[in-house]
N, C-alpha and C. Protein backbone atom coordinates (compact mmCIF):
# COMPACT_ATOMS: atom_id res chain seq x y z
N MET A 1 6.97 14.82 63.63
CA MET A 1 6.73 16.21 63.45
C MET A 1 6.82 16.55 61.96
N ILE A 2 5.90 17.38 61.49
CA ILE A 2 5.87 17.78 60.09
C ILE A 2 6.73 19.01 59.91
N LYS A 3 7.65 18.88 58.99
CA LYS A 3 8.51 20.03 58.71
C LYS A 3 7.91 20.82 57.55
N ARG A 4 7.93 22.08 57.68
CA ARG A 4 7.50 22.94 56.59
C ARG A 4 8.70 23.30 55.76
N PHE A 5 8.40 23.43 54.48
CA PHE A 5 9.48 23.83 53.60
C PHE A 5 9.65 25.35 53.70
N ILE A 6 10.80 25.74 54.12
CA ILE A 6 11.12 27.16 54.19
C ILE A 6 12.35 27.35 53.32
N PRO A 7 12.21 28.16 52.29
CA PRO A 7 13.37 28.35 51.43
C PRO A 7 14.52 28.96 52.23
N GLU A 8 15.68 28.45 51.93
CA GLU A 8 16.86 28.98 52.61
C GLU A 8 17.23 30.31 51.98
N ARG A 9 17.22 31.30 52.81
CA ARG A 9 17.56 32.62 52.34
C ARG A 9 18.56 33.22 53.31
N ALA A 10 19.29 34.12 52.81
CA ALA A 10 20.23 34.82 53.69
C ALA A 10 19.46 35.64 54.70
N PRO A 11 19.96 35.76 55.90
CA PRO A 11 19.25 36.54 56.92
C PRO A 11 18.98 37.98 56.48
N ASP A 12 19.91 38.56 55.77
CA ASP A 12 19.71 39.94 55.31
C ASP A 12 18.51 40.03 54.37
N GLU A 13 18.35 39.03 53.53
CA GLU A 13 17.22 39.02 52.59
C GLU A 13 15.90 38.92 53.32
N LEU A 14 15.85 38.06 54.37
CA LEU A 14 14.62 37.93 55.15
C LEU A 14 14.29 39.21 55.89
N GLU A 15 15.31 39.85 56.44
CA GLU A 15 15.08 41.11 57.14
C GLU A 15 14.55 42.17 56.19
N GLU A 16 15.10 42.19 55.00
CA GLU A 16 14.64 43.17 54.00
C GLU A 16 13.19 42.91 53.62
N ARG A 17 12.83 41.67 53.46
CA ARG A 17 11.45 41.33 53.11
C ARG A 17 10.49 41.69 54.25
N LEU A 18 10.89 41.44 55.49
CA LEU A 18 10.05 41.81 56.63
C LEU A 18 9.88 43.32 56.71
N ARG A 19 10.95 44.05 56.46
CA ARG A 19 10.88 45.50 56.48
C ARG A 19 9.91 46.00 55.41
N LEU A 20 9.94 45.39 54.19
CA LEU A 20 9.03 45.78 53.12
C LEU A 20 7.59 45.42 53.46
N LEU A 21 7.41 44.27 54.15
CA LEU A 21 6.07 43.85 54.56
C LEU A 21 5.47 44.84 55.55
N ARG A 22 6.30 45.35 56.46
CA ARG A 22 5.82 46.33 57.43
C ARG A 22 5.41 47.63 56.75
N ARG A 23 6.02 47.94 55.65
CA ARG A 23 5.69 49.16 54.92
C ARG A 23 4.43 48.99 54.06
N GLY A 24 3.83 47.81 54.08
CA GLY A 24 2.60 47.60 53.33
C GLY A 24 2.79 47.02 51.94
N LYS A 25 3.89 46.36 51.73
CA LYS A 25 4.15 45.73 50.44
C LYS A 25 4.09 44.22 50.62
N PRO A 26 2.90 43.61 50.40
CA PRO A 26 2.72 42.18 50.68
C PRO A 26 3.54 41.26 49.77
N ARG A 27 4.02 41.75 48.66
CA ARG A 27 4.80 40.88 47.77
C ARG A 27 6.17 40.58 48.34
N ALA A 28 6.47 41.19 49.47
CA ALA A 28 7.79 41.01 50.07
C ALA A 28 8.04 39.56 50.46
N LEU A 29 6.97 38.83 50.83
CA LEU A 29 7.14 37.45 51.25
C LEU A 29 6.76 36.44 50.17
N SER A 30 6.50 36.92 48.97
CA SER A 30 6.12 36.00 47.90
C SER A 30 7.29 35.11 47.51
N LEU A 31 6.96 34.03 46.83
CA LEU A 31 8.00 33.10 46.39
C LEU A 31 8.92 33.79 45.40
N PRO A 32 10.12 33.31 45.29
CA PRO A 32 11.04 33.92 44.32
C PRO A 32 10.45 33.84 42.91
N LYS A 33 10.73 34.83 42.13
CA LYS A 33 10.21 34.87 40.77
C LYS A 33 10.88 33.80 39.91
N ILE A 34 10.12 33.36 38.89
CA ILE A 34 10.68 32.38 37.96
C ILE A 34 11.84 33.04 37.25
N ARG A 35 12.82 32.26 37.01
CA ARG A 35 14.00 32.81 36.33
C ARG A 35 13.57 33.45 35.02
N PRO A 36 13.96 34.68 34.80
CA PRO A 36 13.58 35.34 33.54
C PRO A 36 14.03 34.56 32.30
N LEU A 37 15.19 33.92 32.39
CA LEU A 37 15.68 33.17 31.23
C LEU A 37 14.75 32.01 30.91
N LEU A 38 14.30 31.29 31.95
CA LEU A 38 13.38 30.17 31.73
C LEU A 38 12.08 30.68 31.14
N ARG A 39 11.55 31.77 31.65
CA ARG A 39 10.32 32.33 31.14
C ARG A 39 10.50 32.76 29.68
N SER A 40 11.59 33.40 29.37
CA SER A 40 11.81 33.84 28.00
C SER A 40 11.99 32.65 27.06
N ARG A 41 12.59 31.57 27.54
CA ARG A 41 12.73 30.38 26.70
C ARG A 41 11.36 29.81 26.36
N ARG A 42 10.48 29.77 27.36
CA ARG A 42 9.13 29.26 27.09
C ARG A 42 8.41 30.13 26.08
N TRP A 43 8.52 31.42 26.22
CA TRP A 43 7.87 32.33 25.26
C TRP A 43 8.47 32.18 23.87
N ILE A 44 9.78 32.04 23.82
CA ILE A 44 10.44 31.87 22.53
C ILE A 44 9.97 30.58 21.87
N ILE A 45 9.91 29.49 22.63
CA ILE A 45 9.44 28.22 22.08
C ILE A 45 8.00 28.33 21.61
N LEU A 46 7.16 28.98 22.41
CA LEU A 46 5.76 29.17 22.03
C LEU A 46 5.64 29.99 20.75
N ILE A 47 6.41 31.05 20.65
CA ILE A 47 6.37 31.90 19.45
C ILE A 47 6.87 31.13 18.23
N VAL A 48 7.95 30.37 18.39
CA VAL A 48 8.49 29.58 17.28
C VAL A 48 7.46 28.56 16.81
N LEU A 49 6.81 27.87 17.75
CA LEU A 49 5.78 26.89 17.37
C LEU A 49 4.61 27.56 16.65
N LEU A 50 4.19 28.70 17.14
CA LEU A 50 3.11 29.44 16.50
C LEU A 50 3.50 29.86 15.08
N LEU A 51 4.73 30.34 14.91
CA LEU A 51 5.20 30.72 13.57
C LEU A 51 5.28 29.51 12.64
N LEU A 52 5.69 28.36 13.17
CA LEU A 52 5.73 27.15 12.35
C LEU A 52 4.34 26.76 11.87
N VAL A 53 3.37 26.82 12.77
CA VAL A 53 1.99 26.47 12.39
C VAL A 53 1.47 27.46 11.36
N LEU A 54 1.68 28.74 11.58
CA LEU A 54 1.23 29.74 10.60
C LEU A 54 1.94 29.57 9.26
N GLY A 55 3.23 29.29 9.31
CA GLY A 55 3.99 29.09 8.07
C GLY A 55 3.50 27.87 7.30
N ALA A 56 3.26 26.78 8.02
CA ALA A 56 2.77 25.57 7.36
C ALA A 56 1.39 25.81 6.76
N SER A 57 0.54 26.53 7.47
CA SER A 57 -0.80 26.83 6.94
C SER A 57 -0.70 27.69 5.69
N THR A 58 0.17 28.68 5.72
CA THR A 58 0.34 29.56 4.56
C THR A 58 0.85 28.78 3.36
N VAL A 59 1.84 27.92 3.58
CA VAL A 59 2.37 27.11 2.48
C VAL A 59 1.29 26.20 1.92
N PHE A 60 0.52 25.57 2.80
CA PHE A 60 -0.56 24.68 2.36
C PHE A 60 -1.57 25.44 1.50
N LEU A 61 -2.01 26.59 1.99
CA LEU A 61 -3.00 27.38 1.25
C LEU A 61 -2.42 27.91 -0.05
N HIS A 62 -1.14 28.30 -0.03
CA HIS A 62 -0.53 28.81 -1.25
C HIS A 62 -0.38 27.70 -2.30
N MET A 63 0.04 26.52 -1.85
CA MET A 63 0.19 25.41 -2.79
C MET A 63 -1.16 24.99 -3.34
N ARG A 64 -2.15 25.04 -2.48
CA ARG A 64 -3.49 24.67 -2.91
C ARG A 64 -4.04 25.71 -3.88
N GLY A 65 -3.73 26.99 -3.58
CA GLY A 65 -4.22 28.07 -4.43
C GLY A 65 -5.68 27.88 -4.70
N ASP A 66 -6.09 28.15 -5.92
CA ASP A 66 -7.47 27.86 -6.27
C ASP A 66 -7.58 26.40 -6.68
N GLY A 67 -6.41 25.75 -6.85
CA GLY A 67 -6.38 24.34 -7.16
C GLY A 67 -6.69 24.00 -8.61
N SER A 68 -6.97 24.99 -9.41
CA SER A 68 -7.39 24.75 -10.78
C SER A 68 -6.30 24.01 -11.56
N PRO A 69 -6.66 22.94 -12.24
CA PRO A 69 -5.67 22.19 -13.00
C PRO A 69 -5.34 22.82 -14.36
N VAL A 70 -6.06 23.87 -14.74
CA VAL A 70 -5.78 24.55 -16.00
C VAL A 70 -5.18 25.92 -15.70
N ASN A 71 -4.30 26.37 -16.59
CA ASN A 71 -3.69 27.67 -16.41
C ASN A 71 -3.53 28.37 -17.76
N GLN A 72 -3.04 29.58 -17.74
CA GLN A 72 -2.95 30.37 -18.97
C GLN A 72 -1.96 29.77 -19.97
N ALA A 73 -0.90 29.13 -19.48
CA ALA A 73 0.05 28.49 -20.39
C ALA A 73 -0.63 27.37 -21.17
N MET A 74 -1.50 26.62 -20.49
CA MET A 74 -2.24 25.55 -21.19
C MET A 74 -3.19 26.15 -22.20
N GLU A 75 -3.78 27.28 -21.85
CA GLU A 75 -4.71 27.93 -22.76
C GLU A 75 -3.99 28.35 -24.04
N GLN A 76 -2.78 28.86 -23.91
CA GLN A 76 -2.00 29.23 -25.09
C GLN A 76 -1.64 28.00 -25.91
N GLN A 77 -1.30 26.91 -25.24
CA GLN A 77 -0.97 25.67 -25.93
C GLN A 77 -2.20 25.07 -26.63
N ALA A 78 -3.35 25.15 -25.99
CA ALA A 78 -4.57 24.59 -26.57
C ALA A 78 -5.06 25.41 -27.75
N GLY A 79 -4.89 26.73 -27.70
CA GLY A 79 -5.29 27.57 -28.81
C GLY A 79 -6.74 28.05 -28.74
N PHE A 80 -7.42 27.82 -27.64
CA PHE A 80 -8.79 28.32 -27.45
C PHE A 80 -8.97 28.63 -25.97
N PRO A 81 -9.94 29.49 -25.62
CA PRO A 81 -10.15 29.84 -24.22
C PRO A 81 -10.55 28.63 -23.37
N LEU A 82 -9.94 28.53 -22.21
CA LEU A 82 -10.27 27.45 -21.27
C LEU A 82 -11.12 27.98 -20.13
N TYR A 83 -11.92 27.08 -19.59
CA TYR A 83 -12.82 27.42 -18.48
C TYR A 83 -12.53 26.49 -17.30
N ALA A 84 -12.75 27.02 -16.11
CA ALA A 84 -12.63 26.23 -14.89
C ALA A 84 -13.66 26.76 -13.90
N PRO A 85 -14.12 25.91 -12.98
CA PRO A 85 -15.08 26.40 -11.97
C PRO A 85 -14.46 27.54 -11.15
N ALA A 86 -15.23 28.62 -10.98
CA ALA A 86 -14.76 29.73 -10.16
C ALA A 86 -14.57 29.26 -8.72
N SER A 87 -15.45 28.39 -8.26
CA SER A 87 -15.31 27.76 -6.95
C SER A 87 -16.00 26.40 -7.03
N LEU A 88 -15.42 25.46 -6.32
CA LEU A 88 -15.99 24.11 -6.33
C LEU A 88 -17.08 24.00 -5.27
N PRO A 89 -18.16 23.29 -5.59
CA PRO A 89 -19.18 23.03 -4.57
C PRO A 89 -18.57 22.25 -3.40
N ASN A 90 -19.19 22.34 -2.24
CA ASN A 90 -18.69 21.64 -1.05
C ASN A 90 -18.53 20.15 -1.33
N GLY A 91 -17.45 19.60 -0.83
CA GLY A 91 -17.20 18.17 -0.96
C GLY A 91 -16.46 17.77 -2.22
N LEU A 92 -16.14 18.75 -3.07
CA LEU A 92 -15.41 18.45 -4.30
C LEU A 92 -14.00 19.01 -4.24
N VAL A 93 -13.07 18.28 -4.82
CA VAL A 93 -11.67 18.73 -4.93
C VAL A 93 -11.17 18.36 -6.31
N TYR A 94 -10.20 19.13 -6.78
CA TYR A 94 -9.60 18.81 -8.07
C TYR A 94 -8.80 17.52 -7.95
N GLY A 95 -8.81 16.74 -9.03
CA GLY A 95 -7.99 15.54 -9.07
C GLY A 95 -6.53 15.93 -9.06
N SER A 96 -5.66 14.97 -8.84
CA SER A 96 -4.24 15.27 -8.74
C SER A 96 -3.66 15.66 -10.10
N GLY A 97 -2.73 16.58 -10.06
CA GLY A 97 -2.02 16.98 -11.27
C GLY A 97 -2.76 18.00 -12.10
N LEU A 98 -2.06 18.42 -13.16
CA LEU A 98 -2.63 19.39 -14.07
C LEU A 98 -3.46 18.69 -15.14
N ALA A 99 -4.18 19.49 -15.87
CA ALA A 99 -4.98 18.96 -16.97
C ALA A 99 -4.07 18.39 -18.05
N THR A 100 -4.62 17.50 -18.84
CA THR A 100 -3.85 16.95 -19.96
C THR A 100 -4.38 17.53 -21.27
N ILE A 101 -3.49 17.76 -22.19
CA ILE A 101 -3.86 18.28 -23.51
C ILE A 101 -3.51 17.20 -24.52
N SER A 102 -4.52 16.79 -25.29
CA SER A 102 -4.30 15.75 -26.28
C SER A 102 -5.28 15.92 -27.43
N SER A 103 -4.78 15.93 -28.64
CA SER A 103 -5.60 16.00 -29.86
C SER A 103 -6.63 17.13 -29.82
N GLY A 104 -6.21 18.29 -29.36
CA GLY A 104 -7.10 19.44 -29.36
C GLY A 104 -8.11 19.48 -28.24
N THR A 105 -7.97 18.59 -27.25
CA THR A 105 -8.88 18.61 -26.10
C THR A 105 -8.07 18.76 -24.82
N VAL A 106 -8.68 19.39 -23.86
CA VAL A 106 -8.08 19.56 -22.53
C VAL A 106 -8.98 18.82 -21.55
N SER A 107 -8.40 17.95 -20.73
CA SER A 107 -9.19 17.12 -19.80
C SER A 107 -8.63 17.23 -18.39
N TYR A 108 -9.53 17.25 -17.41
CA TYR A 108 -9.15 17.19 -16.00
C TYR A 108 -10.30 16.59 -15.21
N THR A 109 -10.01 16.19 -13.98
CA THR A 109 -11.05 15.55 -13.17
C THR A 109 -11.26 16.32 -11.86
N ILE A 110 -12.47 16.13 -11.34
CA ILE A 110 -12.84 16.65 -10.04
C ILE A 110 -13.36 15.46 -9.25
N GLN A 111 -12.90 15.32 -8.01
CA GLN A 111 -13.26 14.17 -7.18
C GLN A 111 -14.30 14.57 -6.13
N SER A 112 -15.21 13.65 -5.86
CA SER A 112 -16.16 13.81 -4.76
C SER A 112 -16.22 12.49 -4.01
N ILE A 113 -16.92 12.49 -2.91
CA ILE A 113 -17.09 11.25 -2.14
C ILE A 113 -17.83 10.22 -2.99
N ASP A 114 -18.74 10.70 -3.82
CA ASP A 114 -19.57 9.80 -4.62
C ASP A 114 -18.88 9.28 -5.87
N GLY A 115 -17.81 9.92 -6.30
CA GLY A 115 -17.12 9.49 -7.51
C GLY A 115 -16.41 10.64 -8.20
N ALA A 116 -16.06 10.42 -9.44
CA ALA A 116 -15.30 11.42 -10.19
C ALA A 116 -16.18 12.13 -11.21
N VAL A 117 -15.79 13.34 -11.52
CA VAL A 117 -16.42 14.12 -12.57
C VAL A 117 -15.32 14.49 -13.56
N ALA A 118 -15.47 14.09 -14.81
CA ALA A 118 -14.49 14.39 -15.85
C ALA A 118 -14.96 15.60 -16.64
N ILE A 119 -14.06 16.55 -16.82
CA ILE A 119 -14.37 17.74 -17.62
C ILE A 119 -13.43 17.76 -18.80
N THR A 120 -14.02 17.87 -20.00
CA THR A 120 -13.25 17.91 -21.23
C THR A 120 -13.64 19.17 -21.99
N GLU A 121 -12.64 19.88 -22.49
CA GLU A 121 -12.89 21.11 -23.23
C GLU A 121 -12.23 21.01 -24.60
N GLN A 122 -12.90 21.59 -25.59
CA GLN A 122 -12.35 21.64 -26.94
C GLN A 122 -12.85 22.91 -27.61
N ALA A 123 -12.18 23.28 -28.69
CA ALA A 123 -12.63 24.44 -29.44
C ALA A 123 -14.03 24.17 -29.98
N LEU A 124 -14.85 25.19 -30.01
CA LEU A 124 -16.23 25.03 -30.49
C LEU A 124 -16.22 24.62 -31.96
N PRO A 125 -16.83 23.49 -32.29
CA PRO A 125 -16.87 23.07 -33.71
C PRO A 125 -17.75 24.01 -34.52
N SER A 126 -17.57 23.95 -35.84
CA SER A 126 -18.34 24.85 -36.71
C SER A 126 -19.84 24.53 -36.67
N SER A 127 -20.20 23.27 -36.51
CA SER A 127 -21.62 22.94 -36.38
C SER A 127 -21.84 22.22 -35.05
N VAL A 128 -22.71 22.79 -34.23
CA VAL A 128 -22.98 22.23 -32.90
C VAL A 128 -24.35 21.57 -32.93
N PRO A 129 -24.42 20.31 -32.49
CA PRO A 129 -25.73 19.64 -32.48
C PRO A 129 -26.68 20.27 -31.47
N ASP A 130 -27.95 20.03 -31.65
CA ASP A 130 -28.97 20.52 -30.72
C ASP A 130 -29.08 19.51 -29.59
N PHE A 131 -28.47 19.84 -28.46
CA PHE A 131 -28.41 18.91 -27.33
C PHE A 131 -29.76 18.76 -26.63
N SER A 132 -30.69 19.66 -26.87
CA SER A 132 -32.00 19.53 -26.23
C SER A 132 -32.76 18.33 -26.79
N THR A 133 -32.41 17.86 -27.99
CA THR A 133 -33.05 16.67 -28.56
C THR A 133 -32.60 15.39 -27.85
N MET A 134 -31.55 15.50 -27.04
CA MET A 134 -31.06 14.33 -26.29
C MET A 134 -31.74 14.21 -24.93
N GLY A 135 -32.74 15.05 -24.68
CA GLY A 135 -33.44 15.01 -23.40
C GLY A 135 -32.76 15.83 -22.32
N LEU A 136 -31.83 16.68 -22.72
CA LEU A 136 -31.13 17.53 -21.75
C LEU A 136 -31.85 18.87 -21.65
N SER A 137 -31.88 19.44 -20.46
CA SER A 137 -32.55 20.73 -20.30
C SER A 137 -31.54 21.86 -20.46
N ALA A 138 -31.95 22.90 -21.17
CA ALA A 138 -31.09 24.04 -21.46
C ALA A 138 -31.31 25.14 -20.43
N SER A 139 -30.22 25.82 -20.10
CA SER A 139 -30.29 26.98 -19.21
C SER A 139 -29.12 27.91 -19.52
N GLN A 140 -29.30 29.17 -19.20
CA GLN A 140 -28.22 30.14 -19.40
C GLN A 140 -27.34 30.17 -18.15
N VAL A 141 -26.05 30.06 -18.36
CA VAL A 141 -25.07 30.13 -17.28
C VAL A 141 -24.06 31.22 -17.65
N PRO A 142 -23.24 31.67 -16.71
CA PRO A 142 -22.29 32.73 -17.03
C PRO A 142 -21.37 32.43 -18.22
N ALA A 143 -21.03 31.16 -18.42
CA ALA A 143 -20.13 30.81 -19.52
C ALA A 143 -20.85 30.73 -20.87
N GLY A 144 -22.16 30.60 -20.90
CA GLY A 144 -22.91 30.46 -22.15
C GLY A 144 -24.21 29.71 -21.91
N THR A 145 -24.45 28.68 -22.74
CA THR A 145 -25.65 27.86 -22.59
C THR A 145 -25.25 26.49 -22.06
N ALA A 146 -25.95 26.05 -21.02
CA ALA A 146 -25.66 24.74 -20.43
C ALA A 146 -26.81 23.79 -20.69
N TYR A 147 -26.48 22.56 -21.05
CA TYR A 147 -27.46 21.48 -21.22
C TYR A 147 -27.10 20.45 -20.16
N THR A 148 -28.03 20.18 -19.25
CA THR A 148 -27.75 19.22 -18.19
C THR A 148 -28.86 18.17 -18.11
N GLY A 149 -28.51 17.02 -17.59
CA GLY A 149 -29.48 15.94 -17.45
C GLY A 149 -28.74 14.65 -17.19
N SER A 150 -29.39 13.54 -17.55
CA SER A 150 -28.73 12.25 -17.37
C SER A 150 -28.93 11.40 -18.62
N THR A 151 -27.91 10.64 -18.90
CA THR A 151 -27.93 9.72 -20.03
C THR A 151 -27.28 8.43 -19.56
N ALA A 152 -27.92 7.31 -19.83
CA ALA A 152 -27.41 5.99 -19.44
C ALA A 152 -27.09 5.93 -17.95
N GLY A 153 -27.93 6.59 -17.12
CA GLY A 153 -27.76 6.54 -15.68
C GLY A 153 -26.66 7.44 -15.14
N ARG A 154 -26.07 8.26 -15.97
CA ARG A 154 -24.99 9.15 -15.54
C ARG A 154 -25.41 10.59 -15.74
N SER A 155 -25.00 11.44 -14.82
CA SER A 155 -25.27 12.87 -14.94
C SER A 155 -24.25 13.48 -15.91
N ILE A 156 -24.77 14.27 -16.85
CA ILE A 156 -23.88 14.93 -17.80
C ILE A 156 -24.27 16.40 -17.93
N GLY A 157 -23.33 17.16 -18.38
CA GLY A 157 -23.57 18.56 -18.66
C GLY A 157 -22.73 18.97 -19.86
N ILE A 158 -23.29 19.80 -20.70
CA ILE A 158 -22.56 20.32 -21.85
C ILE A 158 -22.76 21.82 -21.83
N VAL A 159 -21.65 22.55 -21.82
CA VAL A 159 -21.71 24.00 -21.81
C VAL A 159 -21.10 24.50 -23.11
N ILE A 160 -21.85 25.37 -23.77
CA ILE A 160 -21.38 25.94 -25.02
C ILE A 160 -21.16 27.43 -24.81
N SER A 161 -19.89 27.83 -24.88
CA SER A 161 -19.57 29.25 -24.81
C SER A 161 -19.41 29.75 -26.24
N LYS A 162 -18.98 30.98 -26.41
CA LYS A 162 -18.79 31.52 -27.75
C LYS A 162 -17.66 30.83 -28.50
N THR A 163 -16.70 30.26 -27.75
CA THR A 163 -15.51 29.69 -28.39
C THR A 163 -15.18 28.27 -27.97
N THR A 164 -15.82 27.77 -26.90
CA THR A 164 -15.41 26.49 -26.31
C THR A 164 -16.62 25.60 -26.05
N LEU A 165 -16.43 24.30 -26.31
CA LEU A 165 -17.43 23.28 -25.98
C LEU A 165 -16.89 22.53 -24.77
N ILE A 166 -17.65 22.54 -23.68
CA ILE A 166 -17.21 21.93 -22.41
C ILE A 166 -18.16 20.79 -22.08
N SER A 167 -17.59 19.62 -21.86
CA SER A 167 -18.37 18.43 -21.52
C SER A 167 -18.07 18.04 -20.08
N ILE A 168 -19.14 17.83 -19.30
CA ILE A 168 -19.00 17.43 -17.89
C ILE A 168 -19.68 16.07 -17.74
N ASN A 169 -18.90 15.05 -17.43
CA ASN A 169 -19.43 13.69 -17.29
C ASN A 169 -19.13 13.17 -15.90
N ALA A 170 -20.19 12.79 -15.17
CA ALA A 170 -20.04 12.33 -13.79
C ALA A 170 -20.26 10.83 -13.68
N ASP A 171 -19.61 10.23 -12.68
CA ASP A 171 -19.88 8.83 -12.37
C ASP A 171 -21.35 8.68 -11.99
N ALA A 172 -21.86 7.45 -12.08
CA ALA A 172 -23.28 7.20 -11.83
C ALA A 172 -23.73 7.64 -10.44
N ALA A 173 -22.86 7.55 -9.44
CA ALA A 173 -23.24 7.87 -8.07
C ALA A 173 -23.24 9.38 -7.78
N VAL A 174 -22.66 10.17 -8.68
CA VAL A 174 -22.59 11.61 -8.45
C VAL A 174 -23.95 12.23 -8.78
N PRO A 175 -24.52 12.99 -7.85
CA PRO A 175 -25.84 13.60 -8.09
C PRO A 175 -25.81 14.61 -9.24
N SER A 176 -26.94 14.73 -9.94
CA SER A 176 -27.02 15.67 -11.06
C SER A 176 -26.87 17.11 -10.59
N ALA A 177 -27.19 17.39 -9.33
CA ALA A 177 -27.04 18.74 -8.80
C ALA A 177 -25.58 19.19 -8.83
N VAL A 178 -24.66 18.25 -8.68
CA VAL A 178 -23.23 18.58 -8.72
C VAL A 178 -22.86 19.06 -10.12
N VAL A 179 -23.35 18.35 -11.13
CA VAL A 179 -23.06 18.74 -12.52
C VAL A 179 -23.67 20.11 -12.81
N SER A 180 -24.88 20.36 -12.33
CA SER A 180 -25.52 21.66 -12.53
C SER A 180 -24.72 22.77 -11.88
N LYS A 181 -24.25 22.54 -10.65
CA LYS A 181 -23.47 23.56 -9.94
C LYS A 181 -22.14 23.83 -10.66
N LEU A 182 -21.52 22.77 -11.15
CA LEU A 182 -20.27 22.96 -11.90
C LEU A 182 -20.52 23.75 -13.17
N SER A 183 -21.62 23.47 -13.87
CA SER A 183 -21.96 24.21 -15.09
C SER A 183 -22.16 25.70 -14.78
N GLN A 184 -22.81 25.98 -13.65
CA GLN A 184 -23.07 27.35 -13.25
C GLN A 184 -21.79 28.10 -12.89
N SER A 185 -20.80 27.39 -12.33
CA SER A 185 -19.61 28.08 -11.82
C SER A 185 -18.47 28.20 -12.82
N LEU A 186 -18.63 27.66 -14.04
CA LEU A 186 -17.54 27.75 -15.01
C LEU A 186 -17.27 29.20 -15.39
N LYS A 187 -15.97 29.52 -15.40
CA LYS A 187 -15.54 30.88 -15.71
C LYS A 187 -14.30 30.80 -16.59
N ALA A 188 -14.20 31.70 -17.56
CA ALA A 188 -13.03 31.74 -18.43
C ALA A 188 -11.79 32.14 -17.62
N LEU A 189 -10.66 31.55 -17.98
CA LEU A 189 -9.42 31.90 -17.28
C LEU A 189 -9.07 33.36 -17.54
N VAL A 190 -9.22 33.79 -18.79
CA VAL A 190 -8.93 35.17 -19.16
C VAL A 190 -10.21 35.76 -19.77
N GLU A 191 -10.64 36.86 -19.19
CA GLU A 191 -11.89 37.45 -19.72
C GLU A 191 -11.60 38.73 -20.45
């Protein structure tokens, strides 16, 4: 014989439930409710996990910031205005660490799947060569005049602002479009 599971309840409780059922309240015979404490523990755990995920995401985004390896303190140390891409093209990230300052130049790298792009900045020299004679094409960009093209199988870009000479040198595998996009997105830290 198959036994059905019938929860053991006090007779008074069963009578009360039957009385409520006769009055048209079908929940009278429903299973006992989940313990409120257990339910609240689950909600508390769920809320804590959600807060941890949101907190970790916020910390990650805050640490990443714009990711720019140059900052205003470096600009003061360098003694000339510094430029950085306002936004990186898809697939590019800044190399690890801050920019380095050495002998009047500021250098940092940007990484892509295809290779690295080195950006070097220096104060604009008193006489600037005509880069169009090197086979580079000139265009106006927000930072000034950009000369882009390829030399020795590598994509290069040179941006001349009013105060800064910026050189963009990419590994051979990096497409020239990346250098062009970086030239277009350069923006002064302080305007």
